[in-house]
Amino acid sequence: FTDRPISKDTLDILVKAGMAAPSAVNKQPWAFVVITEKEVLDSLR
C-alpha cells in the first residue's frame, strides 16, 4: 500500500457494508474494530 490515508467517512461506509450482510435469524452477531493508528497496526502485526 501507499502511505495515503483512508478517510473516516470511507471506513464508516465499509463497516456499513459489512453490517448489510445476511445473518442467521438476523442475530447480527458481529462487532468491528476499525484501526487507523500506526502504533496499533504495528502491535497487531
All heavy atoms as atom14 arrays in JSON, in Angstrom:
{
  "sequence": "FTDRPISKDTLDILVKAGMAAPSAVNKQPWAFVVITEKEVLDSLR",
  "atom14_mask": [
    [1, 1, 1, 1, 1, 1, 1, 1, 1, 1, 1, 0, 0, 0],
    [1, 1, 1, 1, 1, 1, 1, 0, 0, 0, 0, 0, 0, 0],
    [1, 1, 1, 1, 1, 1, 1, 1, 0, 0, 0, 0, 0, 0],
    [1, 1, 1, 1, 1, 1, 1, 1, 1, 1, 1, 0, 0, 0],
    [1, 1, 1, 1, 1, 1, 1, 0, 0, 0, 0, 0, 0, 0],
    [1, 1, 1, 1, 1, 1, 1, 1, 0, 0, 0, 0, 0, 0],
    [1, 1, 1, 1, 1, 1, 0, 0, 0, 0, 0, 0, 0, 0],
    [1, 1, 1, 1, 1, 1, 1, 1, 1, 0, 0, 0, 0, 0],
    [1, 1, 1, 1, 1, 1, 1, 1, 0, 0, 0, 0, 0, 0],
    [1, 1, 1, 1, 1, 1, 1, 0, 0, 0, 0, 0, 0, 0],
    [1, 1, 1, 1, 1, 1, 1, 1, 0, 0, 0, 0, 0, 0],
    [1, 1, 1, 1, 1, 1, 1, 1, 0, 0, 0, 0, 0, 0],
    [1, 1, 1, 1, 1, 1, 1, 1, 0, 0, 0, 0, 0, 0],
    [1, 1, 1, 1, 1, 1, 1, 1, 0, 0, 0, 0, 0, 0],
    [1, 1, 1, 1, 1, 1, 1, 0, 0, 0, 0, 0, 0, 0],
    [1, 1, 1, 1, 1, 1, 1, 1, 1, 0, 0, 0, 0, 0],
    [1, 1, 1, 1, 1, 0, 0, 0, 0, 0, 0, 0, 0, 0],
    [1, 1, 1, 1, 0, 0, 0, 0, 0, 0, 0, 0, 0, 0],
    [1, 1, 1, 1, 1, 1, 1, 1, 0, 0, 0, 0, 0, 0],
    [1, 1, 1, 1, 1, 0, 0, 0, 0, 0, 0, 0, 0, 0],
    [1, 1, 1, 1, 1, 0, 0, 0, 0, 0, 0, 0, 0, 0],
    [1, 1, 1, 1, 1, 1, 1, 0, 0, 0, 0, 0, 0, 0],
    [1, 1, 1, 1, 1, 1, 0, 0, 0, 0, 0, 0, 0, 0],
    [1, 1, 1, 1, 1, 0, 0, 0, 0, 0, 0, 0, 0, 0],
    [1, 1, 1, 1, 1, 1, 1, 0, 0, 0, 0, 0, 0, 0],
    [1, 1, 1, 1, 1, 1, 1, 1, 0, 0, 0, 0, 0, 0],
    [1, 1, 1, 1, 1, 1, 1, 1, 1, 0, 0, 0, 0, 0],
    [1, 1, 1, 1, 1, 1, 1, 1, 1, 0, 0, 0, 0, 0],
    [1, 1, 1, 1, 1, 1, 1, 0, 0, 0, 0, 0, 0, 0],
    [1, 1, 1, 1, 1, 1, 1, 1, 1, 1, 1, 1, 1, 1],
    [1, 1, 1, 1, 1, 0, 0, 0, 0, 0, 0, 0, 0, 0],
    [1, 1, 1, 1, 1, 1, 1, 1, 1, 1, 1, 0, 0, 0],
    [1, 1, 1, 1, 1, 1, 1, 0, 0, 0, 0, 0, 0, 0],
    [1, 1, 1, 1, 1, 1, 1, 0, 0, 0, 0, 0, 0, 0],
    [1, 1, 1, 1, 1, 1, 1, 1, 0, 0, 0, 0, 0, 0],
    [1, 1, 1, 1, 1, 1, 1, 0, 0, 0, 0, 0, 0, 0],
    [1, 1, 1, 1, 1, 1, 1, 1, 1, 0, 0, 0, 0, 0],
    [1, 1, 1, 1, 1, 1, 1, 1, 1, 0, 0, 0, 0, 0],
    [1, 1, 1, 1, 1, 1, 1, 1, 1, 0, 0, 0, 0, 0],
    [1, 1, 1, 1, 1, 1, 1, 0, 0, 0, 0, 0, 0, 0],
    [1, 1, 1, 1, 1, 1, 1, 1, 0, 0, 0, 0, 0, 0],
    [1, 1, 1, 1, 1, 1, 1, 1, 0, 0, 0, 0, 0, 0],
    [1, 1, 1, 1, 1, 1, 0, 0, 0, 0, 0, 0, 0, 0],
    [1, 1, 1, 1, 1, 1, 1, 1, 0, 0, 0, 0, 0, 0],
    [1, 1, 1, 1, 1, 1, 1, 1, 1, 1, 1, 0, 0, 0]
  ],
  "atom14_positions": [
    [[0.81, -1.2, 0.0], [0.0, 0.0, 0.0], [0.86, 1.27, 0.0], [2.0, 1.25, 0.46], [-0.91, 0.01, 1.24], [-1.69, -1.26, 1.43], [-1.24, -2.25, 2.29], [-2.87, -1.48, 0.74], [-1.95, -3.43, 2.47], [-3.59, -2.65, 0.91], [-3.13, -3.62, 1.77], [0.0, 0.0, 0.0], [0.0, 0.0, 0.0], [0.0, 0.0, 0.0]],
    [[0.27, 2.36, -0.5], [0.91, 3.67, -0.39], [0.65, 4.22, 1.01], [-0.06, 3.61, 1.81], [0.34, 4.64, -1.44], [-1.0, 5.0, -1.08], [0.33, 4.02, -2.84], [0.0, 0.0, 0.0], [0.0, 0.0, 0.0], [0.0, 0.0, 0.0], [0.0, 0.0, 0.0], [0.0, 0.0, 0.0], [0.0, 0.0, 0.0], [0.0, 0.0, 0.0]],
    [[1.21, 5.38, 1.29], [1.01, 5.98, 2.62], [-0.19, 6.93, 2.65], [-0.41, 7.64, 3.64], [2.27, 6.71, 3.09], [2.69, 7.83, 2.14], [1.99, 8.06, 1.12], [3.73, 8.46, 2.39], [0.0, 0.0, 0.0], [0.0, 0.0, 0.0], [0.0, 0.0, 0.0], [0.0, 0.0, 0.0], [0.0, 0.0, 0.0], [0.0, 0.0, 0.0]],
    [[-1.0, 6.96, 1.6], [-2.18, 7.81, 1.56], [-3.22, 7.31, 2.57], [-3.56, 6.13, 2.57], [-2.78, 7.79, 0.15], [-4.07, 8.58, -0.01], [-4.61, 8.4, -1.42], [-5.97, 8.92, -1.56], [-6.74, 8.72, -2.63], [-6.25, 8.0, -3.64], [-7.96, 9.22, -2.68], [0.0, 0.0, 0.0], [0.0, 0.0, 0.0], [0.0, 0.0, 0.0]],
    [[-3.71, 8.16, 3.44], [-4.7, 7.72, 4.44], [-6.07, 7.47, 3.83], [-6.39, 7.98, 2.75], [-4.74, 8.88, 5.44], [-4.36, 10.08, 4.63], [-3.36, 9.6, 3.6], [0.0, 0.0, 0.0], [0.0, 0.0, 0.0], [0.0, 0.0, 0.0], [0.0, 0.0, 0.0], [0.0, 0.0, 0.0], [0.0, 0.0, 0.0], [0.0, 0.0, 0.0]],
    [[-6.87, 6.7, 4.54], [-8.26, 6.46, 4.15], [-9.15, 7.31, 5.05], [-8.98, 7.33, 6.27], [-8.64, 4.98, 4.33], [-7.67, 4.09, 3.54], [-10.07, 4.72, 3.89], [-7.84, 2.61, 3.82], [0.0, 0.0, 0.0], [0.0, 0.0, 0.0], [0.0, 0.0, 0.0], [0.0, 0.0, 0.0], [0.0, 0.0, 0.0], [0.0, 0.0, 0.0]],
    [[-10.09, 8.01, 4.46], [-10.94, 8.91, 5.27], [-11.85, 8.13, 6.19], [-12.22, 6.98, 5.92], [-11.78, 9.8, 4.35], [-12.81, 9.04, 3.74], [0.0, 0.0, 0.0], [0.0, 0.0, 0.0], [0.0, 0.0, 0.0], [0.0, 0.0, 0.0], [0.0, 0.0, 0.0], [0.0, 0.0, 0.0], [0.0, 0.0, 0.0], [0.0, 0.0, 0.0]],
    [[-12.22, 8.76, 7.29], [-13.14, 8.14, 8.24], [-14.49, 7.85, 7.57], [-15.11, 6.82, 7.84], [-13.35, 9.03, 9.46], [-14.28, 8.4, 10.52], [-14.49, 9.32, 11.7], [-15.36, 8.65, 12.77], [-16.71, 8.29, 12.24], [0.0, 0.0, 0.0], [0.0, 0.0, 0.0], [0.0, 0.0, 0.0], [0.0, 0.0, 0.0], [0.0, 0.0, 0.0]],
    [[-14.94, 8.75, 6.71], [-16.22, 8.54, 6.02], [-16.18, 7.25, 5.2], [-17.15, 6.49, 5.19], [-16.55, 9.73, 5.12], [-16.97, 10.96, 5.9], [-17.27, 10.83, 7.1], [-16.98, 12.05, 5.31], [0.0, 0.0, 0.0], [0.0, 0.0, 0.0], [0.0, 0.0, 0.0], [0.0, 0.0, 0.0], [0.0, 0.0, 0.0], [0.0, 0.0, 0.0]],
    [[-15.08, 7.02, 4.52], [-14.94, 5.8, 3.71], [-14.93, 4.57, 4.6], [-15.59, 3.57, 4.32], [-13.67, 5.86, 2.85], [-13.76, 6.98, 1.95], [-13.5, 4.59, 2.04], [0.0, 0.0, 0.0], [0.0, 0.0, 0.0], [0.0, 0.0, 0.0], [0.0, 0.0, 0.0], [0.0, 0.0, 0.0], [0.0, 0.0, 0.0], [0.0, 0.0, 0.0]],
    [[-14.17, 4.63, 5.69], [-14.11, 3.49, 6.61], [-15.49, 3.21, 7.21], [-15.88, 2.04, 7.37], [-13.1, 3.77, 7.72], [-11.63, 3.78, 7.27], [-10.74, 4.34, 8.38], [-11.17, 2.39, 6.86], [0.0, 0.0, 0.0], [0.0, 0.0, 0.0], [0.0, 0.0, 0.0], [0.0, 0.0, 0.0], [0.0, 0.0, 0.0], [0.0, 0.0, 0.0]],
    [[-16.24, 4.27, 7.5], [-17.59, 4.08, 8.04], [-18.48, 3.36, 7.03], [-19.28, 2.48, 7.41], [-18.22, 5.43, 8.41], [-17.64, 6.03, 9.69], [-16.96, 5.28, 10.44], [-17.87, 7.23, 9.94], [0.0, 0.0, 0.0], [0.0, 0.0, 0.0], [0.0, 0.0, 0.0], [0.0, 0.0, 0.0], [0.0, 0.0, 0.0], [0.0, 0.0, 0.0]],
    [[-18.36, 3.71, 5.75], [-19.18, 3.05, 4.75], [-18.78, 1.59, 4.58], [-19.63, 0.72, 4.38], [-19.11, 3.8, 3.41], [-19.84, 5.14, 3.54], [-19.73, 2.97, 2.28], [-19.84, 5.98, 2.3], [0.0, 0.0, 0.0], [0.0, 0.0, 0.0], [0.0, 0.0, 0.0], [0.0, 0.0, 0.0], [0.0, 0.0, 0.0], [0.0, 0.0, 0.0]],
    [[-17.48, 1.29, 4.71], [-17.05, -0.1, 4.64], [-17.69, -0.92, 5.75], [-18.15, -2.06, 5.53], [-15.53, -0.21, 4.73], [-14.7, 0.46, 3.62], [-13.23, 0.09, 3.78], [-15.21, 0.1, 2.24], [0.0, 0.0, 0.0], [0.0, 0.0, 0.0], [0.0, 0.0, 0.0], [0.0, 0.0, 0.0], [0.0, 0.0, 0.0], [0.0, 0.0, 0.0]],
    [[-17.73, -0.35, 6.95], [-18.35, -1.07, 8.07], [-19.86, -1.2, 7.86], [-20.46, -2.25, 8.15], [-18.04, -0.37, 9.41], [-18.78, -1.04, 10.55], [-16.54, -0.4, 9.68], [0.0, 0.0, 0.0], [0.0, 0.0, 0.0], [0.0, 0.0, 0.0], [0.0, 0.0, 0.0], [0.0, 0.0, 0.0], [0.0, 0.0, 0.0], [0.0, 0.0, 0.0]],
    [[-20.5, -0.16, 7.31], [-21.92, -0.25, 6.99], [-22.18, -1.37, 5.99], [-23.19, -2.09, 6.09], [-22.43, 1.08, 6.45], [-22.54, 2.18, 7.49], [-23.04, 3.48, 6.86], [-23.1, 4.6, 7.89], [-23.56, 5.87, 7.27], [0.0, 0.0, 0.0], [0.0, 0.0, 0.0], [0.0, 0.0, 0.0], [0.0, 0.0, 0.0], [0.0, 0.0, 0.0]],
    [[-21.28, -1.51, 5.02], [-21.41, -2.59, 4.04], [-21.31, -3.94, 4.74], [-22.05, -4.88, 4.43], [-20.33, -2.47, 2.96], [0.0, 0.0, 0.0], [0.0, 0.0, 0.0], [0.0, 0.0, 0.0], [0.0, 0.0, 0.0], [0.0, 0.0, 0.0], [0.0, 0.0, 0.0], [0.0, 0.0, 0.0], [0.0, 0.0, 0.0], [0.0, 0.0, 0.0]],
    [[-20.41, -4.04, 5.72], [-20.3, -5.28, 6.49], [-21.58, -5.61, 7.21], [-22.03, -6.76, 7.23], [0.0, 0.0, 0.0], [0.0, 0.0, 0.0], [0.0, 0.0, 0.0], [0.0, 0.0, 0.0], [0.0, 0.0, 0.0], [0.0, 0.0, 0.0], [0.0, 0.0, 0.0], [0.0, 0.0, 0.0], [0.0, 0.0, 0.0], [0.0, 0.0, 0.0]],
    [[-22.21, -4.6, 7.79], [-23.44, -4.82, 8.56], [-24.65, -5.1, 7.67], [-25.71, -5.47, 8.18], [-23.73, -3.61, 9.45], [-22.72, -3.41, 10.56], [-23.23, -2.08, 11.66], [-21.72, -1.81, 12.59], [0.0, 0.0, 0.0], [0.0, 0.0, 0.0], [0.0, 0.0, 0.0], [0.0, 0.0, 0.0], [0.0, 0.0, 0.0], [0.0, 0.0, 0.0]],
    [[-24.5, -4.94, 6.35], [-25.58, -5.26, 5.43], [-25.58, -6.74, 5.05], [-26.44, -7.17, 4.28], [-25.47, -4.39, 4.17], [0.0, 0.0, 0.0], [0.0, 0.0, 0.0], [0.0, 0.0, 0.0], [0.0, 0.0, 0.0], [0.0, 0.0, 0.0], [0.0, 0.0, 0.0], [0.0, 0.0, 0.0], [0.0, 0.0, 0.0], [0.0, 0.0, 0.0]],
    [[-24.66, -7.51, 5.58], [-24.54, -8.94, 5.24], [-25.72, -9.74, 5.78], [-26.37, -9.33, 6.74], [-23.23, -9.49, 5.8], [0.0, 0.0, 0.0], [0.0, 0.0, 0.0], [0.0, 0.0, 0.0], [0.0, 0.0, 0.0], [0.0, 0.0, 0.0], [0.0, 0.0, 0.0], [0.0, 0.0, 0.0], [0.0, 0.0, 0.0], [0.0, 0.0, 0.0]],
    [[-25.98, -10.9, 5.17], [-27.01, -11.78, 5.72], [-26.58, -12.32, 7.08], [-25.39, -12.43, 7.36], [-27.12, -12.91, 4.68], [-25.82, -12.89, 3.96], [-25.36, -11.47, 3.96], [0.0, 0.0, 0.0], [0.0, 0.0, 0.0], [0.0, 0.0, 0.0], [0.0, 0.0, 0.0], [0.0, 0.0, 0.0], [0.0, 0.0, 0.0], [0.0, 0.0, 0.0]],
    [[-27.57, -12.66, 7.9], [-27.29, -13.13, 9.25], [-28.34, -14.15, 9.67], [-29.54, -13.9, 9.51], [-27.28, -11.94, 10.22], [-27.22, -12.37, 11.56], [0.0, 0.0, 0.0], [0.0, 0.0, 0.0], [0.0, 0.0, 0.0], [0.0, 0.0, 0.0], [0.0, 0.0, 0.0], [0.0, 0.0, 0.0], [0.0, 0.0, 0.0], [0.0, 0.0, 0.0]],
    [[-27.91, -15.28, 10.19], [-28.84, -16.33, 10.63], [-29.78, -15.79, 11.71], [-29.33, -15.24, 12.72], [-28.05, -17.53, 11.16], [0.0, 0.0, 0.0], [0.0, 0.0, 0.0], [0.0, 0.0, 0.0], [0.0, 0.0, 0.0], [0.0, 0.0, 0.0], [0.0, 0.0, 0.0], [0.0, 0.0, 0.0], [0.0, 0.0, 0.0], [0.0, 0.0, 0.0]],
    [[-31.07, -15.94, 11.47], [-32.12, -15.46, 12.37], [-31.94, -13.96, 12.66], [-32.38, -13.46, 13.69], [-32.16, -16.28, 13.67], [-33.5, -16.1, 14.39], [-31.95, -17.77, 13.4], [0.0, 0.0, 0.0], [0.0, 0.0, 0.0], [0.0, 0.0, 0.0], [0.0, 0.0, 0.0], [0.0, 0.0, 0.0], [0.0, 0.0, 0.0], [0.0, 0.0, 0.0]],
    [[-31.23, -13.27, 11.79], [-30.96, -11.83, 11.93], [-30.34, -11.48, 13.28], [-30.6, -10.42, 13.85], [-32.24, -11.01, 11.72], [-31.95, -9.54, 11.42], [-30.92, -9.21, 10.83], [-32.85, -8.67, 11.84], [0.0, 0.0, 0.0], [0.0, 0.0, 0.0], [0.0, 0.0, 0.0], [0.0, 0.0, 0.0], [0.0, 0.0, 0.0], [0.0, 0.0, 0.0]],
    [[-29.5, -12.36, 13.8], [-28.86, -12.1, 15.08], [-27.78, -11.02, 14.99], [-27.45, -10.38, 15.99], [-28.26, -13.4, 15.64], [-29.28, -14.38, 16.19], [-29.94, -13.82, 17.44], [-30.82, -14.84, 18.11], [-31.44, -14.32, 19.36], [0.0, 0.0, 0.0], [0.0, 0.0, 0.0], [0.0, 0.0, 0.0], [0.0, 0.0, 0.0], [0.0, 0.0, 0.0]],
    [[-27.19, -10.87, 13.8], [-26.14, -9.86, 13.6], [-25.07, -9.95, 14.7], [-24.79, -8.96, 15.4], [-26.75, -8.46, 13.56], [-27.84, -8.3, 12.5], [-28.48, -6.94, 12.52], [-27.82, -5.92, 12.75], [-29.79, -6.89, 12.28], [0.0, 0.0, 0.0], [0.0, 0.0, 0.0], [0.0, 0.0, 0.0], [0.0, 0.0, 0.0], [0.0, 0.0, 0.0]],
    [[-24.44, -11.11, 14.86], [-23.51, -11.3, 15.97], [-22.11, -10.77, 15.68], [-21.11, -11.41, 16.0], [-23.5, -12.82, 16.11], [-23.61, -13.3, 14.71], [-24.54, -12.33, 14.03], [0.0, 0.0, 0.0], [0.0, 0.0, 0.0], [0.0, 0.0, 0.0], [0.0, 0.0, 0.0], [0.0, 0.0, 0.0], [0.0, 0.0, 0.0], [0.0, 0.0, 0.0]],
    [[-22.05, -9.61, 15.07], [-20.75, -9.08, 14.68], [-20.38, -7.83, 15.47], [-21.21, -7.13, 16.02], [-20.72, -8.79, 13.18], [-21.96, -8.15, 12.63], [-22.57, -6.99, 13.04], [-22.78, -8.65, 11.57], [-23.69, -6.73, 12.29], [-23.85, -7.73, 11.38], [-22.71, -9.77, 10.74], [-24.84, -7.91, 10.41], [-23.71, -9.95, 9.78], [-24.75, -9.04, 9.62]],
    [[-19.1, -7.57, 15.49], [-18.54, -6.34, 16.06], [-17.32, -6.01, 15.23], [-16.63, -6.91, 14.73], [-18.17, -6.53, 17.52], [0.0, 0.0, 0.0], [0.0, 0.0, 0.0], [0.0, 0.0, 0.0], [0.0, 0.0, 0.0], [0.0, 0.0, 0.0], [0.0, 0.0, 0.0], [0.0, 0.0, 0.0], [0.0, 0.0, 0.0], [0.0, 0.0, 0.0]],
    [[-17.04, -4.73, 15.05], [-15.96, -4.31, 14.17], [-15.04, -3.35, 14.92], [-15.5, -2.41, 15.56], [-16.52, -3.61, 12.93], [-17.51, -4.45, 12.17], [-18.87, -4.41, 12.5], [-17.11, -5.28, 11.14], [-19.8, -5.17, 11.82], [-18.03, -6.05, 10.44], [-19.38, -6.0, 10.78], [0.0, 0.0, 0.0], [0.0, 0.0, 0.0], [0.0, 0.0, 0.0]],
    [[-13.75, -3.59, 14.83], [-12.76, -2.68, 15.4], [-12.01, -2.05, 14.23], [-11.3, -2.74, 13.5], [-11.78, -3.41, 16.34], [-10.79, -2.4, 16.94], [-12.53, -4.15, 17.44], [0.0, 0.0, 0.0], [0.0, 0.0, 0.0], [0.0, 0.0, 0.0], [0.0, 0.0, 0.0], [0.0, 0.0, 0.0], [0.0, 0.0, 0.0], [0.0, 0.0, 0.0]],
    [[-12.19, -0.74, 14.05], [-11.54, -0.01, 12.97], [-10.24, 0.59, 13.51], [-10.26, 1.3, 14.53], [-12.45, 1.1, 12.42], [-11.77, 1.85, 11.27], [-13.79, 0.51, 11.95], [0.0, 0.0, 0.0], [0.0, 0.0, 0.0], [0.0, 0.0, 0.0], [0.0, 0.0, 0.0], [0.0, 0.0, 0.0], [0.0, 0.0, 0.0], [0.0, 0.0, 0.0]],
    [[-9.15, 0.3, 12.85], [-7.83, 0.73, 13.34], [-7.18, 1.66, 12.32], [-7.05, 1.31, 11.15], [-6.92, -0.49, 13.57], [-7.6, -1.49, 14.52], [-5.56, -0.05, 14.12], [-6.96, -2.85, 14.5], [0.0, 0.0, 0.0], [0.0, 0.0, 0.0], [0.0, 0.0, 0.0], [0.0, 0.0, 0.0], [0.0, 0.0, 0.0], [0.0, 0.0, 0.0]],
    [[-6.77, 2.83, 12.78], [-6.06, 3.78, 11.92], [-4.73, 4.23, 12.53], [-3.92, 4.83, 11.84], [-6.93, 5.02, 11.65], [-7.31, 5.61, 12.9], [-8.18, 4.65, 10.86], [0.0, 0.0, 0.0], [0.0, 0.0, 0.0], [0.0, 0.0, 0.0], [0.0, 0.0, 0.0], [0.0, 0.0, 0.0], [0.0, 0.0, 0.0], [0.0, 0.0, 0.0]],
    [[-4.53, 3.98, 13.81], [-3.29, 4.41, 14.47], [-2.15, 3.46, 14.14], [-2.28, 2.24, 14.31], [-3.5, 4.48, 15.98], [-4.5, 5.53, 16.43], [-4.67, 5.56, 17.93], [-4.01, 4.76, 18.63], [-5.47, 6.39, 18.41], [0.0, 0.0, 0.0], [0.0, 0.0, 0.0], [0.0, 0.0, 0.0], [0.0, 0.0, 0.0], [0.0, 0.0, 0.0]],
    [[-1.04, 4.03, 13.69], [0.11, 3.24, 13.28], [0.63, 2.35, 14.4], [1.03, 1.2, 14.18], [1.22, 4.19, 12.79], [2.47, 3.5, 12.3], [2.2, 2.65, 11.07], [3.5, 2.08, 10.51], [3.26, 1.09, 9.42], [0.0, 0.0, 0.0], [0.0, 0.0, 0.0], [0.0, 0.0, 0.0], [0.0, 0.0, 0.0], [0.0, 0.0, 0.0]],
    [[0.62, 2.86, 15.61], [1.11, 2.09, 16.76], [0.29, 0.81, 16.96], [0.86, -0.25, 17.24], [1.06, 2.96, 18.02], [1.57, 2.26, 19.27], [1.49, 3.13, 20.5], [1.21, 4.34, 20.36], [1.7, 2.6, 21.6], [0.0, 0.0, 0.0], [0.0, 0.0, 0.0], [0.0, 0.0, 0.0], [0.0, 0.0, 0.0], [0.0, 0.0, 0.0]],
    [[-1.02, 0.93, 16.81], [-1.87, -0.25, 16.98], [-1.69, -1.2, 15.81], [-1.63, -2.43, 16.0], [-3.35, 0.17, 17.11], [-4.24, -1.06, 17.32], [-3.53, 1.14, 18.27], [0.0, 0.0, 0.0], [0.0, 0.0, 0.0], [0.0, 0.0, 0.0], [0.0, 0.0, 0.0], [0.0, 0.0, 0.0], [0.0, 0.0, 0.0], [0.0, 0.0, 0.0]],
    [[-1.57, -0.67, 14.6], [-1.33, -1.52, 13.43], [-0.03, -2.3, 13.6], [0.04, -3.5, 13.3], [-1.27, -0.68, 12.16], [-2.59, -0.03, 11.71], [-2.34, 0.97, 10.59], [-3.6, -1.08, 11.27], [0.0, 0.0, 0.0], [0.0, 0.0, 0.0], [0.0, 0.0, 0.0], [0.0, 0.0, 0.0], [0.0, 0.0, 0.0], [0.0, 0.0, 0.0]],
    [[1.01, -1.64, 14.09], [2.3, -2.31, 14.3], [2.2, -3.38, 15.38], [2.77, -4.47, 15.24], [3.37, -1.28, 14.68], [3.79, -0.4, 13.51], [3.49, -0.77, 12.36], [4.39, 0.66, 13.76], [0.0, 0.0, 0.0], [0.0, 0.0, 0.0], [0.0, 0.0, 0.0], [0.0, 0.0, 0.0], [0.0, 0.0, 0.0], [0.0, 0.0, 0.0]],
    [[1.48, -3.09, 16.45], [1.31, -4.08, 17.52], [0.52, -5.29, 17.03], [0.84, -6.43, 17.38], [0.58, -3.44, 18.71], [1.36, -2.41, 19.29], [0.0, 0.0, 0.0], [0.0, 0.0, 0.0], [0.0, 0.0, 0.0], [0.0, 0.0, 0.0], [0.0, 0.0, 0.0], [0.0, 0.0, 0.0], [0.0, 0.0, 0.0], [0.0, 0.0, 0.0]],
    [[-0.46, -5.03, 16.2], [-1.25, -6.12, 15.64], [-0.39, -6.98, 14.71], [-0.52, -8.21, 14.68], [-2.45, -5.55, 14.89], [-3.61, -6.48, 14.6], [-4.16, -7.11, 15.88], [-4.72, -5.72, 13.87], [0.0, 0.0, 0.0], [0.0, 0.0, 0.0], [0.0, 0.0, 0.0], [0.0, 0.0, 0.0], [0.0, 0.0, 0.0], [0.0, 0.0, 0.0]],
    [[0.49, -6.34, 13.97], [1.37, -7.09, 13.06], [2.31, -8.01, 13.84], [2.65, -9.11, 13.37], [2.18, -6.1, 12.22], [3.11, -6.77, 11.2], [3.56, -5.77, 10.15], [4.31, -4.67, 10.72], [5.63, -4.59, 10.75], [6.38, -5.57, 10.27], [6.23, -3.54, 11.27], [0.0, 0.0, 0.0], [0.0, 0.0, 0.0], [0.0, 0.0, 0.0]]
  ]
}
